[in-house]
Amino acid sequence: MKLVFRSSAVADLKWFRSYCSSVFPEGAKHARQQYLQTCRTLVAHPLVGHPVSRDTPVREFAIPRTPFSFVYYVTEREILIIRVLDARAERPVGPIV
């Protein structure tokens, strides 16, 4: 399995990096380590996240000690990250995919 970040997650990743480097710089190194560990966990255990709803295969998995989480779904060969959500922001309305 490999992680693939869809284009819809690119702006989210930019905000994650910006938050870690400018808004919370003293925790940037730790947040990066948590991010990398979460990526490794997803690759090793793709279904670790909780289902977003019963109607979709989309799952969500929190990045520990940060306000962010991966929203993703699993195919035969890939784990597709469709969003990196900030828990403090308003949740998207409608389908995430």
PDB file of N, CA and C in Angstrom:
ATOM      1  N   MET A   1       0.842  -1.190   0.000  1.00  0.00           N
ATOM      2  CA  MET A   1       0.000   0.000   0.000  1.00  0.00           C
ATOM      3  C   MET A   1       0.880   1.244   0.000  1.00  0.00           C
ATOM      4  N   LYS A   2       0.389   2.242  -0.692  1.00  0.00           N
ATOM      5  CA  LYS A   2       1.097   3.523  -0.657  1.00  0.00           C
ATOM      6  C   LYS A   2       0.086   4.644  -0.442  1.00  0.00           C
ATOM      7  N   LEU A   3       0.555   5.726   0.150  1.00  0.00           N
ATOM      8  CA  LEU A   3      -0.278   6.905   0.362  1.00  0.00           C
ATOM      9  C   LEU A   3      -0.233   7.780  -0.880  1.00  0.00           C
ATOM     10  N   VAL A   4      -1.404   8.256  -1.286  1.00  0.00           N
ATOM     11  CA  VAL A   4      -1.504   9.185  -2.410  1.00  0.00           C
ATOM     12  C   VAL A   4      -2.351  10.358  -1.938  1.00  0.00           C
ATOM     13  N   PHE A   5      -1.810  11.556  -2.080  1.00  0.00           N
ATOM     14  CA  PHE A   5      -2.547  12.758  -1.696  1.00  0.00           C
ATOM     15  C   PHE A   5      -3.215  13.337  -2.934  1.00  0.00           C
ATOM     16  N   ARG A   6      -4.534  13.378  -2.915  1.00  0.00           N
ATOM     17  CA  ARG A   6      -5.279  13.956  -4.030  1.00  0.00           C
ATOM     18  C   ARG A   6      -5.096  15.462  -4.024  1.00  0.00           C
ATOM     19  N   SER A   7      -5.389  16.084  -5.138  1.00  0.00           N
ATOM     20  CA  SER A   7      -5.223  17.533  -5.254  1.00  0.00           C
ATOM     21  C   SER A   7      -6.074  18.278  -4.226  1.00  0.00           C
ATOM     22  N   SER A   8      -7.184  17.692  -3.821  1.00  0.00           N
ATOM     23  CA  SER A   8      -8.046  18.336  -2.821  1.00  0.00           C
ATOM     24  C   SER A   8      -7.375  18.445  -1.457  1.00  0.00           C
ATOM     25  N   ALA A   9      -6.309  17.677  -1.214  1.00  0.00           N
ATOM     26  CA  ALA A   9      -5.609  17.723   0.069  1.00  0.00           C
ATOM     27  C   ALA A   9      -4.404  18.663   0.048  1.00  0.00           C
ATOM     28  N   VAL A  10      -4.022  19.150  -1.128  1.00  0.00           N
ATOM     29  CA  VAL A  10      -2.811  19.973  -1.237  1.00  0.00           C
ATOM     30  C   VAL A  10      -2.920  21.274  -0.434  1.00  0.00           C
ATOM     31  N   ALA A  11      -4.008  22.006  -0.570  1.00  0.00           N
ATOM     32  CA  ALA A  11      -4.179  23.248   0.198  1.00  0.00           C
ATOM     33  C   ALA A  11      -4.232  22.952   1.699  1.00  0.00           C
ATOM     34  N   ASP A  12      -4.848  21.828   2.058  1.00  0.00           N
ATOM     35  CA  ASP A  12      -4.901  21.435   3.464  1.00  0.00           C
ATOM     36  C   ASP A  12      -3.499  21.191   4.016  1.00  0.00           C
ATOM     37  N   LEU A  13      -2.661  20.519   3.235  1.00  0.00           N
ATOM     38  CA  LEU A  13      -1.283  20.269   3.672  1.00  0.00           C
ATOM     39  C   LEU A  13      -0.503  21.565   3.808  1.00  0.00           C
ATOM     40  N   LYS A  14      -0.757  22.515   2.918  1.00  0.00           N
ATOM     41  CA  LYS A  14      -0.095  23.819   3.024  1.00  0.00           C
ATOM     42  C   LYS A  14      -0.496  24.509   4.323  1.00  0.00           C
ATOM     43  N   TRP A  15      -1.773  24.433   4.693  1.00  0.00           N
ATOM     44  CA  TRP A  15      -2.224  25.036   5.944  1.00  0.00           C
ATOM     45  C   TRP A  15      -1.601  24.303   7.130  1.00  0.00           C
ATOM     46  N   PHE A  16      -1.517  22.980   7.081  1.00  0.00           N
ATOM     47  CA  PHE A  16      -0.884  22.207   8.150  1.00  0.00           C
ATOM     48  C   PHE A  16       0.560  22.683   8.355  1.00  0.00           C
ATOM     49  N   ARG A  17       1.302  22.800   7.267  1.00  0.00           N
ATOM     50  CA  ARG A  17       2.698  23.266   7.354  1.00  0.00           C
ATOM     51  C   ARG A  17       2.771  24.697   7.877  1.00  0.00           C
ATOM     52  N   SER A  18       1.896  25.556   7.373  1.00  0.00           N
ATOM     53  CA  SER A  18       1.875  26.950   7.819  1.00  0.00           C
ATOM     54  C   SER A  18       1.552  27.036   9.300  1.00  0.00           C
ATOM     55  N   TYR A  19       0.551  26.292   9.726  1.00  0.00           N
ATOM     56  CA  TYR A  19       0.165  26.274  11.138  1.00  0.00           C
ATOM     57  C   TYR A  19       1.346  25.831  11.996  1.00  0.00           C
ATOM     58  N   CYS A  20       2.000  24.764  11.582  1.00  0.00           N
ATOM     59  CA  CYS A  20       3.103  24.216  12.367  1.00  0.00           C
ATOM     60  C   CYS A  20       4.312  25.140  12.405  1.00  0.00           C
ATOM     61  N   SER A  21       4.589  25.828  11.314  1.00  0.00           N
ATOM     62  CA  SER A  21       5.784  26.666  11.271  1.00  0.00           C
ATOM     63  C   SER A  21       5.577  28.087  11.770  1.00  0.00           C
ATOM     64  N   SER A  22       4.379  28.648  11.579  1.00  0.00           N
ATOM     65  CA  SER A  22       4.203  30.043  11.983  1.00  0.00           C
ATOM     66  C   SER A  22       3.240  30.234  13.152  1.00  0.00           C
ATOM     67  N   VAL A  23       2.152  29.526  13.174  1.00  0.00           N
ATOM     68  CA  VAL A  23       1.175  29.699  14.243  1.00  0.00           C
ATOM     69  C   VAL A  23       1.642  29.014  15.525  1.00  0.00           C
ATOM     70  N   PHE A  24       2.268  27.858  15.384  1.00  0.00           N
ATOM     71  CA  PHE A  24       2.698  27.077  16.543  1.00  0.00           C
ATOM     72  C   PHE A  24       4.123  26.570  16.334  1.00  0.00           C
ATOM     73  N   PRO A  25       5.111  27.482  16.158  1.00  0.00           N
ATOM     74  CA  PRO A  25       6.465  27.067  15.793  1.00  0.00           C
ATOM     75  C   PRO A  25       7.159  26.195  16.837  1.00  0.00           C
ATOM     76  N   GLU A  26       6.845  26.391  18.126  1.00  0.00           N
ATOM     77  CA  GLU A  26       7.514  25.579  19.148  1.00  0.00           C
ATOM     78  C   GLU A  26       7.106  24.102  19.082  1.00  0.00           C
ATOM     79  N   GLY A  27       5.999  23.813  18.421  1.00  0.00           N
ATOM     80  CA  GLY A  27       5.558  22.432  18.278  1.00  0.00           C
ATOM     81  C   GLY A  27       5.753  21.867  16.885  1.00  0.00           C
ATOM     82  N   ALA A  28       6.408  22.616  15.993  1.00  0.00           N
ATOM     83  CA  ALA A  28       6.522  22.202  14.590  1.00  0.00           C
ATOM     84  C   ALA A  28       7.246  20.866  14.435  1.00  0.00           C
ATOM     85  N   LYS A  29       8.352  20.681  15.140  1.00  0.00           N
ATOM     86  CA  LYS A  29       9.103  19.436  15.017  1.00  0.00           C
ATOM     87  C   LYS A  29       8.253  18.255  15.493  1.00  0.00           C
ATOM     88  N   HIS A  30       7.584  18.431  16.608  1.00  0.00           N
ATOM     89  CA  HIS A  30       6.740  17.365  17.144  1.00  0.00           C
ATOM     90  C   HIS A  30       5.562  17.069  16.199  1.00  0.00           C
ATOM     91  N   ALA A  31       4.947  18.100  15.651  1.00  0.00           N
ATOM     92  CA  ALA A  31       3.819  17.907  14.732  1.00  0.00           C
ATOM     93  C   ALA A  31       4.275  17.156  13.491  1.00  0.00           C
ATOM     94  N   ARG A  32       5.462  17.474  12.999  1.00  0.00           N
ATOM     95  CA  ARG A  32       6.001  16.755  11.833  1.00  0.00           C
ATOM     96  C   ARG A  32       6.204  15.283  12.164  1.00  0.00           C
ATOM     97  N   GLN A  33       6.732  14.998  13.340  1.00  0.00           N
ATOM     98  CA  GLN A  33       6.922  13.606  13.755  1.00  0.00           C
ATOM     99  C   GLN A  33       5.578  12.880  13.867  1.00  0.00           C
ATOM    100  N   GLN A  34       4.573  13.556  14.403  1.00  0.00           N
ATOM    101  CA  GLN A  34       3.243  12.952  14.522  1.00  0.00           C
ATOM    102  C   GLN A  34       2.646  12.699  13.133  1.00  0.00           C
ATOM    103  N   TYR A  35       2.835  13.638  12.233  1.00  0.00           N
ATOM    104  CA  TYR A  35       2.361  13.500  10.852  1.00  0.00           C
ATOM    105  C   TYR A  35       2.997  12.266  10.198  1.00  0.00           C
ATOM    106  N   LEU A  36       4.317  12.144  10.303  1.00  0.00           N
ATOM    107  CA  LEU A  36       5.021  11.021   9.689  1.00  0.00           C
ATOM    108  C   LEU A  36       4.607   9.690  10.318  1.00  0.00           C
ATOM    109  N   GLN A  37       4.435   9.674  11.640  1.00  0.00           N
ATOM    110  CA  GLN A  37       4.002   8.447  12.309  1.00  0.00           C
ATOM    111  C   GLN A  37       2.586   8.065  11.874  1.00  0.00           C
ATOM    112  N   THR A  38       1.728   9.041  11.696  1.00  0.00           N
ATOM    113  CA  THR A  38       0.363   8.769  11.239  1.00  0.00           C
ATOM    114  C   THR A  38       0.384   8.196   9.826  1.00  0.00           C
ATOM    115  N   CYS A  39       1.242   8.721   8.974  1.00  0.00           N
ATOM    116  CA  CYS A  39       1.384   8.166   7.620  1.00  0.00           C
ATOM    117  C   CYS A  39       1.831   6.708   7.688  1.00  0.00           C
ATOM    118  N   ARG A  40       2.812   6.407   8.540  1.00  0.00           N
ATOM    119  CA  ARG A  40       3.286   5.027   8.676  1.00  0.00           C
ATOM    120  C   ARG A  40       2.186   4.113   9.211  1.00  0.00           C
ATOM    121  N   THR A  41       1.416   4.601  10.157  1.00  0.00           N
ATOM    122  CA  THR A  41       0.324   3.811  10.722  1.00  0.00           C
ATOM    123  C   THR A  41      -0.719   3.492   9.661  1.00  0.00           C
ATOM    124  N   LEU A  42      -1.074   4.483   8.860  1.00  0.00           N
ATOM    125  CA  LEU A  42      -2.056   4.251   7.792  1.00  0.00           C
ATOM    126  C   LEU A  42      -1.572   3.222   6.773  1.00  0.00           C
ATOM    127  N   VAL A  43      -0.312   3.284   6.407  1.00  0.00           N
ATOM    128  CA  VAL A  43       0.225   2.327   5.449  1.00  0.00           C
ATOM    129  C   VAL A  43       0.191   0.909   6.041  1.00  0.00           C
ATOM    130  N   ALA A  44       0.521   0.793   7.310  1.00  0.00           N
ATOM    131  CA  ALA A  44       0.537  -0.518   7.959  1.00  0.00           C
ATOM    132  C   ALA A  44      -0.865  -1.042   8.271  1.00  0.00           C
ATOM    133  N   HIS A  45      -1.796  -0.132   8.572  1.00  0.00           N
ATOM    134  CA  HIS A  45      -3.155  -0.501   8.990  1.00  0.00           C
ATOM    135  C   HIS A  45      -4.166   0.424   8.320  1.00  0.00           C
ATOM    136  N   PRO A  46      -4.450   0.225   7.046  1.00  0.00           N
ATOM    137  CA  PRO A  46      -5.284   1.159   6.288  1.00  0.00           C
ATOM    138  C   PRO A  46      -6.686   1.405   6.846  1.00  0.00           C
ATOM    139  N   LEU A  47      -7.247   0.464   7.566  1.00  0.00           N
ATOM    140  CA  LEU A  47      -8.622   0.634   8.068  1.00  0.00           C
ATOM    141  C   LEU A  47      -8.657   1.131   9.502  1.00  0.00           C
ATOM    142  N   VAL A  48      -7.565   1.685   9.987  1.00  0.00           N
ATOM    143  CA  VAL A  48      -7.477   2.139  11.369  1.00  0.00           C
ATOM    144  C   VAL A  48      -8.437   3.292  11.683  1.00  0.00           C
ATOM    145  N   GLY A  49      -8.712   4.124  10.722  1.00  0.00           N
ATOM    146  CA  GLY A  49      -9.599   5.270  10.941  1.00  0.00           C
ATOM    147  C   GLY A  49     -11.048   4.843  11.092  1.00  0.00           C
ATOM    148  N   HIS A  50     -11.858   5.749  11.635  1.00  0.00           N
ATOM    149  CA  HIS A  50     -13.281   5.434  11.786  1.00  0.00           C
ATOM    150  C   HIS A  50     -14.046   5.879  10.541  1.00  0.00           C
ATOM    151  N   PRO A  51     -15.102   5.139  10.194  1.00  0.00           N
ATOM    152  CA  PRO A  51     -15.910   5.524   9.031  1.00  0.00           C
ATOM    153  C   PRO A  51     -16.570   6.887   9.249  1.00  0.00           C
ATOM    154  N   VAL A  52     -16.604   7.698   8.199  1.00  0.00           N
ATOM    155  CA  VAL A  52     -17.236   9.011   8.270  1.00  0.00           C
ATOM    156  C   VAL A  52     -18.758   8.864   8.312  1.00  0.00           C
ATOM    157  N   SER A  53     -19.284   7.912   7.536  1.00  0.00           N
ATOM    158  CA  SER A  53     -20.714   7.612   7.556  1.00  0.00           C
ATOM    159  C   SER A  53     -20.933   6.196   7.035  1.00  0.00           C
ATOM    160  N   ARG A  54     -22.146   5.727   7.165  1.00  0.00           N
ATOM    161  CA  ARG A  54     -22.465   4.384   6.674  1.00  0.00           C
ATOM    162  C   ARG A  54     -22.606   4.357   5.159  1.00  0.00           C
ATOM    163  N   ASP A  55     -22.809   5.509   4.555  1.00  0.00           N
ATOM    164  CA  ASP A  55     -23.107   5.595   3.125  1.00  0.00           C
ATOM    165  C   ASP A  55     -21.881   5.705   2.230  1.00  0.00           C
ATOM    166  N   THR A  56     -20.699   5.759   2.807  1.00  0.00           N
ATOM    167  CA  THR A  56     -19.492   5.996   2.016  1.00  0.00           C
ATOM    168  C   THR A  56     -18.316   5.211   2.601  1.00  0.00           C
ATOM    169  N   PRO A  57     -17.350   4.835   1.769  1.00  0.00           N
ATOM    170  CA  PRO A  57     -16.166   4.132   2.274  1.00  0.00           C
ATOM    171  C   PRO A  57     -15.113   5.074   2.866  1.00  0.00           C
ATOM    172  N   VAL A  58     -15.428   6.344   2.987  1.00  0.00           N
ATOM    173  CA  VAL A  58     -14.478   7.334   3.485  1.00  0.00           C
ATOM    174  C   VAL A  58     -14.272   7.154   4.985  1.00  0.00           C
ATOM    175  N   ARG A  59     -13.010   7.267   5.396  1.00  0.00           N
ATOM    176  CA  ARG A  59     -12.640   7.109   6.806  1.00  0.00           C
ATOM    177  C   ARG A  59     -11.894   8.357   7.269  1.00  0.00           C
ATOM    178  N   GLU A  60     -11.794   8.517   8.581  1.00  0.00           N
ATOM    179  CA  GLU A  60     -11.060   9.650   9.161  1.00  0.00           C
ATOM    180  C   GLU A  60     -10.150   9.126  10.262  1.00  0.00           C
ATOM    181  N   PHE A  61      -8.923   9.653  10.285  1.00  0.00           N
ATOM    182  CA  PHE A  61      -7.939   9.226  11.285  1.00  0.00           C
ATOM    183  C   PHE A  61      -7.185  10.457  11.775  1.00  0.00           C
ATOM    184  N   ALA A  62      -7.244  10.703  13.064  1.00  0.00           N
ATOM    185  CA  ALA A  62      -6.627  11.892  13.660  1.00  0.00           C
ATOM    186  C   ALA A  62      -5.110  11.783  13.691  1.00  0.00           C
ATOM    187  N   ILE A  63      -4.456  12.916  13.475  1.00  0.00           N
ATOM    188  CA  ILE A  63      -3.013  13.023  13.670  1.00  0.00           C
ATOM    189  C   ILE A  63      -2.834  13.394  15.140  1.00  0.00           C
ATOM    190  N   PRO A  64      -2.301  12.473  15.961  1.00  0.00           N
ATOM    191  CA  PRO A  64      -2.228  12.710  17.406  1.00  0.00           C
ATOM    192  C   PRO A  64      -1.540  14.018  17.784  1.00  0.00           C
ATOM    193  N   ARG A  65      -2.061  14.605  18.830  1.00  0.00           N
ATOM    194  CA  ARG A  65      -1.516  15.837  19.428  1.00  0.00           C
ATOM    195  C   ARG A  65      -1.491  17.025  18.478  1.00  0.00           C
ATOM    196  N   THR A  66      -2.355  16.973  17.472  1.00  0.00           N
ATOM    197  CA  THR A  66      -2.553  18.106  16.568  1.00  0.00           C
ATOM    198  C   THR A  66      -4.060  18.237  16.354  1.00  0.00           C
ATOM    199  N   PRO A  67      -4.527  19.367  15.858  1.00  0.00           N
ATOM    200  CA  PRO A  67      -5.956  19.495  15.564  1.00  0.00           C
ATOM    201  C   PRO A  67      -6.332  18.996  14.166  1.00  0.00           C
ATOM    202  N   PHE A  68      -5.461  18.205  13.542  1.00  0.00           N
ATOM    203  CA  PHE A  68      -5.673  17.768  12.169  1.00  0.00           C
ATOM    204  C   PHE A  68      -5.990  16.279  12.079  1.00  0.00           C
ATOM    205  N   SER A  69      -6.676  15.914  10.992  1.00  0.00           N
ATOM    206  CA  SER A  69      -6.942  14.500  10.719  1.00  0.00           C
ATOM    207  C   SER A  69      -6.932  14.261   9.209  1.00  0.00           C
ATOM    208  N   PHE A  70      -6.599  13.026   8.848  1.00  0.00           N
ATOM    209  CA  PHE A  70      -6.664  12.599   7.460  1.00  0.00           C
ATOM    210  C   PHE A  70      -8.063  12.093   7.168  1.00  0.00           C
ATOM    211  N   VAL A  71      -8.611  12.486   6.042  1.00  0.00           N
ATOM    212  CA  VAL A  71      -9.862  11.926   5.530  1.00  0.00           C
ATOM    213  C   VAL A  71      -9.448  11.171   4.273  1.00  0.00           C
ATOM    214  N   TYR A  72      -9.788   9.892   4.208  1.00  0.00           N
ATOM    215  CA  TYR A  72      -9.238   9.044   3.163  1.00  0.00           C
ATOM    216  C   TYR A  72     -10.155   7.870   2.833  1.00  0.00           C
ATOM    217  N   TYR A  73      -9.828   7.205   1.750  1.00  0.00           N
ATOM    218  CA  TYR A  73     -10.450   5.918   1.459  1.00  0.00           C
ATOM    219  C   TYR A  73      -9.394   4.994   0.880  1.00  0.00           C
ATOM    220  N   VAL A  74      -9.680   3.708   0.968  1.00  0.00           N
ATOM    221  CA  VAL A  74      -8.712   2.680   0.612  1.00  0.00           C
ATOM    222  C   VAL A  74      -9.158   1.970  -0.664  1.00  0.00           C
ATOM    223  N   THR A  75      -8.217   1.817  -1.595  1.00  0.00           N
ATOM    224  CA  THR A  75      -8.449   1.011  -2.788  1.00  0.00           C
ATOM    225  C   THR A  75      -7.574  -0.246  -2.652  1.00  0.00           C
ATOM    226  N   GLU A  76      -7.541  -1.060  -3.666  1.00  0.00           N
ATOM    227  CA  GLU A  76      -6.719  -2.274  -3.624  1.00  0.00           C
ATOM    228  C   GLU A  76      -5.236  -1.976  -3.407  1.00  0.00           C
ATOM    229  N   ARG A  77      -4.757  -0.885  -4.000  1.00  0.00           N
ATOM    230  CA  ARG A  77      -3.317  -0.599  -3.984  1.00  0.00           C
ATOM    231  C   ARG A  77      -2.923   0.683  -3.271  1.00  0.00           C
ATOM    232  N   GLU A  78      -3.906   1.546  -2.987  1.00  0.00           N
ATOM    233  CA  GLU A  78      -3.561   2.871  -2.460  1.00  0.00           C
ATOM    234  C   GLU A  78      -4.475   3.287  -1.310  1.00  0.00           C
ATOM    235  N   ILE A  79      -3.930   4.175  -0.529  1.00  0.00           N
ATOM    236  CA  ILE A  79      -4.709   4.893   0.473  1.00  0.00           C
ATOM    237  C   ILE A  79      -4.770   6.321  -0.046  1.00  0.00           C
ATOM    238  N   LEU A  80      -5.945   6.739  -0.461  1.00  0.00           N
ATOM    239  CA  LEU A  80      -6.110   8.056  -1.080  1.00  0.00           C
ATOM    240  C   LEU A  80      -6.534   9.075  -0.027  1.00  0.00           C
ATOM    241  N   ILE A  81      -5.649  10.008   0.271  1.00  0.00           N
ATOM    242  CA  ILE A  81      -5.945  11.086   1.213  1.00  0.00           C
ATOM    243  C   ILE A  81      -6.686  12.157   0.427  1.00  0.00           C
ATOM    244  N   ILE A  82      -7.936  12.418   0.829  1.00  0.00           N
ATOM    245  CA  ILE A  82      -8.717  13.403   0.087  1.00  0.00           C
ATOM    246  C   ILE A  82      -8.789  14.748   0.798  1.00  0.00           C
ATOM    247  N   ARG A  83      -8.559  14.756   2.111  1.00  0.00           N
ATOM    248  CA  ARG A  83      -8.515  16.010   2.872  1.00  0.00           C
ATOM    249  C   ARG A  83      -7.598  15.827   4.074  1.00  0.00           C
ATOM    250  N   VAL A  84      -7.021  16.918   4.539  1.00  0.00           N
ATOM    251  CA  VAL A  84      -6.323  16.970   5.819  1.00  0.00           C
ATOM    252  C   VAL A  84      -7.059  18.071   6.573  1.00  0.00           C
ATOM    253  N   LEU A  85      -8.024  17.655   7.391  1.00  0.00           N
ATOM    254  CA  LEU A  85      -8.938  18.610   8.018  1.00  0.00           C
ATOM    255  C   LEU A  85      -8.400  19.161   9.329  1.00  0.00           C
ATOM    256  N   ASP A  86      -8.652  20.439   9.535  1.00  0.00           N
ATOM    257  CA  ASP A  86      -8.349  21.127  10.784  1.00  0.00           C
ATOM    258  C   ASP A  86      -9.618  21.069  11.628  1.00  0.00           C
ATOM    259  N   ALA A  87      -9.557  20.420  12.780  1.00  0.00           N
ATOM    260  CA  ALA A  87     -10.742  20.222  13.618  1.00  0.00           C
ATOM    261  C   ALA A  87     -11.335  21.535  14.115  1.00  0.00           C
ATOM    262  N   ARG A  88     -10.558  22.606  14.106  1.00  0.00           N
ATOM    263  CA  ARG A  88     -11.056  23.898  14.587  1.00  0.00           C
ATOM    264  C   ARG A  88     -11.824  24.648  13.519  1.00  0.00           C
ATOM    265  N   ALA A  89     -11.732  24.189  12.271  1.00  0.00           N
ATOM    266  CA  ALA A  89     -12.422  24.853  11.167  1.00  0.00           C
ATOM    267  C   ALA A  89     -13.812  24.251  10.976  1.00  0.00           C
ATOM    268  N   GLU A  90     -14.626  24.961  10.252  1.00  0.00           N
ATOM    269  CA  GLU A  90     -15.955  24.470   9.939  1.00  0.00           C
ATOM    270  C   GLU A  90     -15.839  23.254   9.023  1.00  0.00           C
ATOM    271  N   ARG A  91     -16.603  22.221   9.327  1.00  0.00           N
ATOM    272  CA  ARG A  91     -16.596  20.990   8.528  1.00  0.00           C
ATOM    273  C   ARG A  91     -17.231  21.243   7.161  1.00  0.00           C
ATOM    274  N   PRO A  92     -16.714  20.590   6.130  1.00  0.00           N
ATOM    275  CA  PRO A  92     -17.314  20.743   4.806  1.00  0.00           C
ATOM    276  C   PRO A  92     -18.770  20.239   4.808  1.00  0.00           C
ATOM    277  N   VAL A  93     -19.597  20.896   4.049  1.00  0.00           N
ATOM    278  CA  VAL A  93     -20.989  20.481   3.903  1.00  0.00           C
ATOM    279  C   VAL A  93     -21.097  19.628   2.651  1.00  0.00           C
ATOM    280  N   GLY A  94     -21.822  18.543   2.736  1.00  0.00           N
ATOM    281  CA  GLY A  94     -21.997  17.673   1.577  1.00  0.00           C
ATOM    282  C   GLY A  94     -20.903  16.642   1.505  1.00  0.00           C
ATOM    283  N   PRO A  95     -20.808  15.951   0.394  1.00  0.00           N
ATOM    284  CA  PRO A  95     -19.818  14.884   0.251  1.00  0.00           C
ATOM    285  C   PRO A  95     -18.400  15.434   0.284  1.00  0.00           C
ATOM    286  N   ILE A  96     -17.515  14.733   0.965  1.00  0.00           N
ATOM    287  CA  ILE A  96     -16.124  15.144   1.082  1.00  0.00           C
ATOM    288  C   ILE A  96     -15.353  14.773  -0.169  1.00  0.00           C
ATOM    289  N   VAL A  97     -15.753  13.691  -0.811  1.00  0.00           N
ATOM    290  CA  VAL A  97     -15.026  13.198  -1.986  1.00  0.00           C
ATOM    291  C   VAL A  97     -15.219  14.118  -3.163  1.00  0.00           C
TER     292      VAL A  97
END
